[in-house]
């Protein structure tokens, strides 16, 4: 059996290029982040955030209508839109100063419907 005394740690081959080129990766990343689709995405994200804040502030500052008659949660939003967008002489409701939402309860606190003694909403005790 022959023993090999050759040390392989001192190889004479030229150094190989690194597999991962960090500078090239950084350049690709910068080029991607500065491209026009990403800039459009940045603008859209900013608009969504601003719109969300505006919607939240409007919801927090929306007047409560729970004390007004005929403004409980059973009134459909279409009835509110009809009443608040008509000519001022027909109804006494103020003009709605905002676009309609799917429900008035998004911004306005609405009351529960009135419960009468003969209503099915409550159970009578024996």
C-alpha atoms as a PDB file:
ATOM      1  CA  UNK A   1       0.000   0.000   0.000  1.00  0.00           C
ATOM      2  CA  UNK A   2       1.430   3.311  -0.942  1.00  0.00           C
ATOM      3  CA  UNK A   3       0.960   6.305   1.210  1.00  0.00           C
ATOM      4  CA  UNK A   4       0.323   9.606  -0.409  1.00  0.00           C
ATOM      5  CA  UNK A   5       2.251  12.366   1.327  1.00  0.00           C
ATOM      6  CA  UNK A   6       0.980  15.028  -0.982  1.00  0.00           C
ATOM      7  CA  UNK A   7      -0.665  17.953   0.899  1.00  0.00           C
ATOM      8  CA  UNK A   8      -3.818  19.115  -0.871  1.00  0.00           C
ATOM      9  CA  UNK A   9      -4.184  22.372   1.035  1.00  0.00           C
ATOM     10  CA  UNK A  10      -1.685  24.163  -1.198  1.00  0.00           C
ATOM     11  CA  UNK A  11      -3.404  23.752  -4.524  1.00  0.00           C
ATOM     12  CA  UNK A  12      -1.829  25.514  -7.466  1.00  0.00           C
ATOM     13  CA  UNK A  13      -5.176  26.249  -9.173  1.00  0.00           C
ATOM     14  CA  UNK A  14      -6.244  29.905  -9.569  1.00  0.00           C
ATOM     15  CA  UNK A  15      -8.833  31.210  -7.118  1.00  0.00           C
ATOM     16  CA  UNK A  16     -12.395  30.821  -8.339  1.00  0.00           C
ATOM     17  CA  UNK A  17     -14.871  33.661  -8.572  1.00  0.00           C
ATOM     18  CA  UNK A  18     -17.222  33.814  -5.593  1.00  0.00           C
ATOM     19  CA  UNK A  19     -20.601  32.240  -6.218  1.00  0.00           C
ATOM     20  CA  UNK A  20     -22.457  35.193  -4.701  1.00  0.00           C
ATOM     21  CA  UNK A  21     -21.558  38.630  -6.021  1.00  0.00           C
ATOM     22  CA  UNK A  22     -22.755  41.006  -3.317  1.00  0.00           C
ATOM     23  CA  UNK A  23     -22.245  44.202  -5.308  1.00  0.00           C
ATOM     24  CA  UNK A  24     -24.144  42.844  -8.299  1.00  0.00           C
ATOM     25  CA  UNK A  25     -27.007  41.801  -6.023  1.00  0.00           C
ATOM     26  CA  UNK A  26     -27.110  45.273  -4.477  1.00  0.00           C
ATOM     27  CA  UNK A  27     -27.149  46.864  -7.921  1.00  0.00           C
ATOM     28  CA  UNK A  28     -30.031  44.603  -9.025  1.00  0.00           C
ATOM     29  CA  UNK A  29     -31.950  45.443  -5.851  1.00  0.00           C
ATOM     30  CA  UNK A  30     -31.424  49.184  -6.303  1.00  0.00           C
ATOM     31  CA  UNK A  31     -32.454  48.956  -9.950  1.00  0.00           C
ATOM     32  CA  UNK A  32     -35.620  47.047  -8.969  1.00  0.00           C
ATOM     33  CA  UNK A  33     -36.583  49.435  -6.169  1.00  0.00           C
ATOM     34  CA  UNK A  34     -36.092  52.478  -8.399  1.00  0.00           C
ATOM     35  CA  UNK A  35     -38.028  51.131 -11.377  1.00  0.00           C
ATOM     36  CA  UNK A  36     -41.291  52.750 -12.446  1.00  0.00           C
ATOM     37  CA  UNK A  37     -43.546  49.843 -11.312  1.00  0.00           C
ATOM     38  CA  UNK A  38     -42.133  50.110  -7.801  1.00  0.00           C
ATOM     39  CA  UNK A  39     -42.541  53.894  -7.798  1.00  0.00           C
ATOM     40  CA  UNK A  40     -46.179  53.472  -8.828  1.00  0.00           C
ATOM     41  CA  UNK A  41     -46.552  50.936  -6.019  1.00  0.00           C
ATOM     42  CA  UNK A  42     -45.082  53.420  -3.526  1.00  0.00           C
ATOM     43  CA  UNK A  43     -47.569  56.084  -4.615  1.00  0.00           C
ATOM     44  CA  UNK A  44     -50.504  53.665  -4.395  1.00  0.00           C
ATOM     45  CA  UNK A  45     -49.468  52.500  -0.928  1.00  0.00           C
ATOM     46  CA  UNK A  46     -49.206  56.124   0.221  1.00  0.00           C
ATOM     47  CA  UNK A  47     -52.661  56.901  -1.191  1.00  0.00           C
ATOM     48  CA  UNK A  48     -54.209  53.871   0.514  1.00  0.00           C
ATOM     49  CA  UNK A  49     -52.669  54.864   3.842  1.00  0.00           C
ATOM     50  CA  UNK A  50     -53.843  58.475   3.517  1.00  0.00           C
ATOM     51  CA  UNK A  51     -57.337  57.387   2.453  1.00  0.00           C
ATOM     52  CA  UNK A  52     -57.535  55.000   5.401  1.00  0.00           C
ATOM     53  CA  UNK A  53     -56.548  57.738   7.819  1.00  0.00           C
ATOM     54  CA  UNK A  54     -59.072  60.137   6.279  1.00  0.00           C
ATOM     55  CA  UNK A  55     -61.833  57.496   6.478  1.00  0.00           C
ATOM     56  CA  UNK A  56     -60.964  56.753  10.107  1.00  0.00           C
ATOM     57  CA  UNK A  57     -60.951  60.432  11.085  1.00  0.00           C
ATOM     58  CA  UNK A  58     -64.280  60.982   9.324  1.00  0.00           C
ATOM     59  CA  UNK A  59     -65.731  57.977  11.149  1.00  0.00           C
ATOM     60  CA  UNK A  60     -64.485  59.266  14.487  1.00  0.00           C
ATOM     61  CA  UNK A  61     -65.873  62.752  13.899  1.00  0.00           C
ATOM     62  CA  UNK A  62     -69.163  61.744  12.236  1.00  0.00           C
ATOM     63  CA  UNK A  63     -72.182  63.100  14.123  1.00  0.00           C
ATOM     64  CA  UNK A  64     -74.290  60.692  16.118  1.00  0.00           C
ATOM     65  CA  UNK A  65     -77.803  60.342  14.732  1.00  0.00           C
ATOM     66  CA  UNK A  66     -79.139  57.923  17.340  1.00  0.00           C
ATOM     67  CA  UNK A  67     -81.232  60.617  19.036  1.00  0.00           C
ATOM     68  CA  UNK A  68     -83.006  61.619  15.803  1.00  0.00           C
ATOM     69  CA  UNK A  69     -86.340  59.944  15.026  1.00  0.00           C
ATOM     70  CA  UNK A  70     -86.254  57.561  12.071  1.00  0.00           C
ATOM     71  CA  UNK A  71     -82.479  57.065  12.187  1.00  0.00           C
ATOM     72  CA  UNK A  72     -82.214  53.641  13.782  1.00  0.00           C
ATOM     73  CA  UNK A  73     -80.229  50.709  12.395  1.00  0.00           C
ATOM     74  CA  UNK A  74     -83.239  49.228  10.604  1.00  0.00           C
ATOM     75  CA  UNK A  75     -83.395  52.128   8.112  1.00  0.00           C
ATOM     76  CA  UNK A  76     -81.775  51.023   4.829  1.00  0.00           C
ATOM     77  CA  UNK A  77     -79.009  53.273   3.468  1.00  0.00           C
ATOM     78  CA  UNK A  78     -81.023  53.830   0.275  1.00  0.00           C
ATOM     79  CA  UNK A  79     -83.682  55.600   2.347  1.00  0.00           C
ATOM     80  CA  UNK A  80     -81.036  57.844   3.888  1.00  0.00           C
ATOM     81  CA  UNK A  81     -79.610  58.668   0.462  1.00  0.00           C
ATOM     82  CA  UNK A  82     -83.071  59.448  -0.932  1.00  0.00           C
ATOM     83  CA  UNK A  83     -83.941  61.714   1.975  1.00  0.00           C
ATOM     84  CA  UNK A  84     -80.597  63.531   2.202  1.00  0.00           C
ATOM     85  CA  UNK A  85     -80.016  64.100  -1.535  1.00  0.00           C
ATOM     86  CA  UNK A  86     -83.421  65.531  -2.514  1.00  0.00           C
ATOM     87  CA  UNK A  87     -84.245  69.177  -3.020  1.00  0.00           C
ATOM     88  CA  UNK A  88     -84.207  71.160   0.244  1.00  0.00           C
ATOM     89  CA  UNK A  89     -87.885  72.092  -0.062  1.00  0.00           C
ATOM     90  CA  UNK A  90     -89.196  68.517  -0.114  1.00  0.00           C
ATOM     91  CA  UNK A  91     -87.594  67.246   3.089  1.00  0.00           C
ATOM     92  CA  UNK A  92     -86.106  69.050   6.040  1.00  0.00           C
ATOM     93  CA  UNK A  93     -83.045  66.777   6.092  1.00  0.00           C
ATOM     94  CA  UNK A  94     -79.667  68.477   5.608  1.00  0.00           C
ATOM     95  CA  UNK A  95     -77.700  67.747   2.469  1.00  0.00           C
ATOM     96  CA  UNK A  96     -75.297  64.818   2.843  1.00  0.00           C
ATOM     97  CA  UNK A  97     -71.776  66.336   2.607  1.00  0.00           C
ATOM     98  CA  UNK A  98     -70.041  63.080   1.651  1.00  0.00           C
ATOM     99  CA  UNK A  99     -70.360  60.126  -0.729  1.00  0.00           C
ATOM    100  CA  UNK A 100     -72.588  57.309   0.422  1.00  0.00           C
ATOM    101  CA  UNK A 101     -71.103  54.308   2.217  1.00  0.00           C
ATOM    102  CA  UNK A 102     -72.639  50.805   2.229  1.00  0.00           C
ATOM    103  CA  UNK A 103     -74.022  51.544   5.695  1.00  0.00           C
ATOM    104  CA  UNK A 104     -74.568  54.770   7.588  1.00  0.00           C
ATOM    105  CA  UNK A 105     -73.290  53.016  10.707  1.00  0.00           C
ATOM    106  CA  UNK A 106     -69.710  53.218   9.400  1.00  0.00           C
ATOM    107  CA  UNK A 107     -69.486  56.831  10.534  1.00  0.00           C
ATOM    108  CA  UNK A 108     -72.720  57.663  12.334  1.00  0.00           C
ATOM    109  CA  UNK A 109     -73.836  56.078  15.587  1.00  0.00           C
ATOM    110  CA  UNK A 110     -77.354  54.834  15.034  1.00  0.00           C
ATOM    111  CA  UNK A 111     -79.819  53.885  17.732  1.00  0.00           C
ATOM    112  CA  UNK A 112     -81.715  50.671  18.221  1.00  0.00           C
ATOM    113  CA  UNK A 113     -85.282  50.487  16.936  1.00  0.00           C
ATOM    114  CA  UNK A 114     -88.039  51.555  19.295  1.00  0.00           C
ATOM    115  CA  UNK A 115     -89.563  48.684  21.219  1.00  0.00           C
ATOM    116  CA  UNK A 116     -93.289  48.853  21.842  1.00  0.00           C
ATOM    117  CA  UNK A 117     -95.200  46.756  24.371  1.00  0.00           C
ATOM    118  CA  UNK A 118     -96.818  44.727  21.565  1.00  0.00           C
ATOM    119  CA  UNK A 119     -93.578  44.210  19.673  1.00  0.00           C
ATOM    120  CA  UNK A 120     -92.079  40.842  18.874  1.00  0.00           C
ATOM    121  CA  UNK A 121     -88.669  42.164  19.891  1.00  0.00           C
ATOM    122  CA  UNK A 122     -89.190  41.432  23.569  1.00  0.00           C
ATOM    123  CA  UNK A 123     -90.527  38.461  25.416  1.00  0.00           C
ATOM    124  CA  UNK A 124     -93.188  39.062  27.956  1.00  0.00           C
ATOM    125  CA  UNK A 125     -92.600  37.637  31.395  1.00  0.00           C
ATOM    126  CA  UNK A 126     -95.392  35.378  32.753  1.00  0.00           C
END
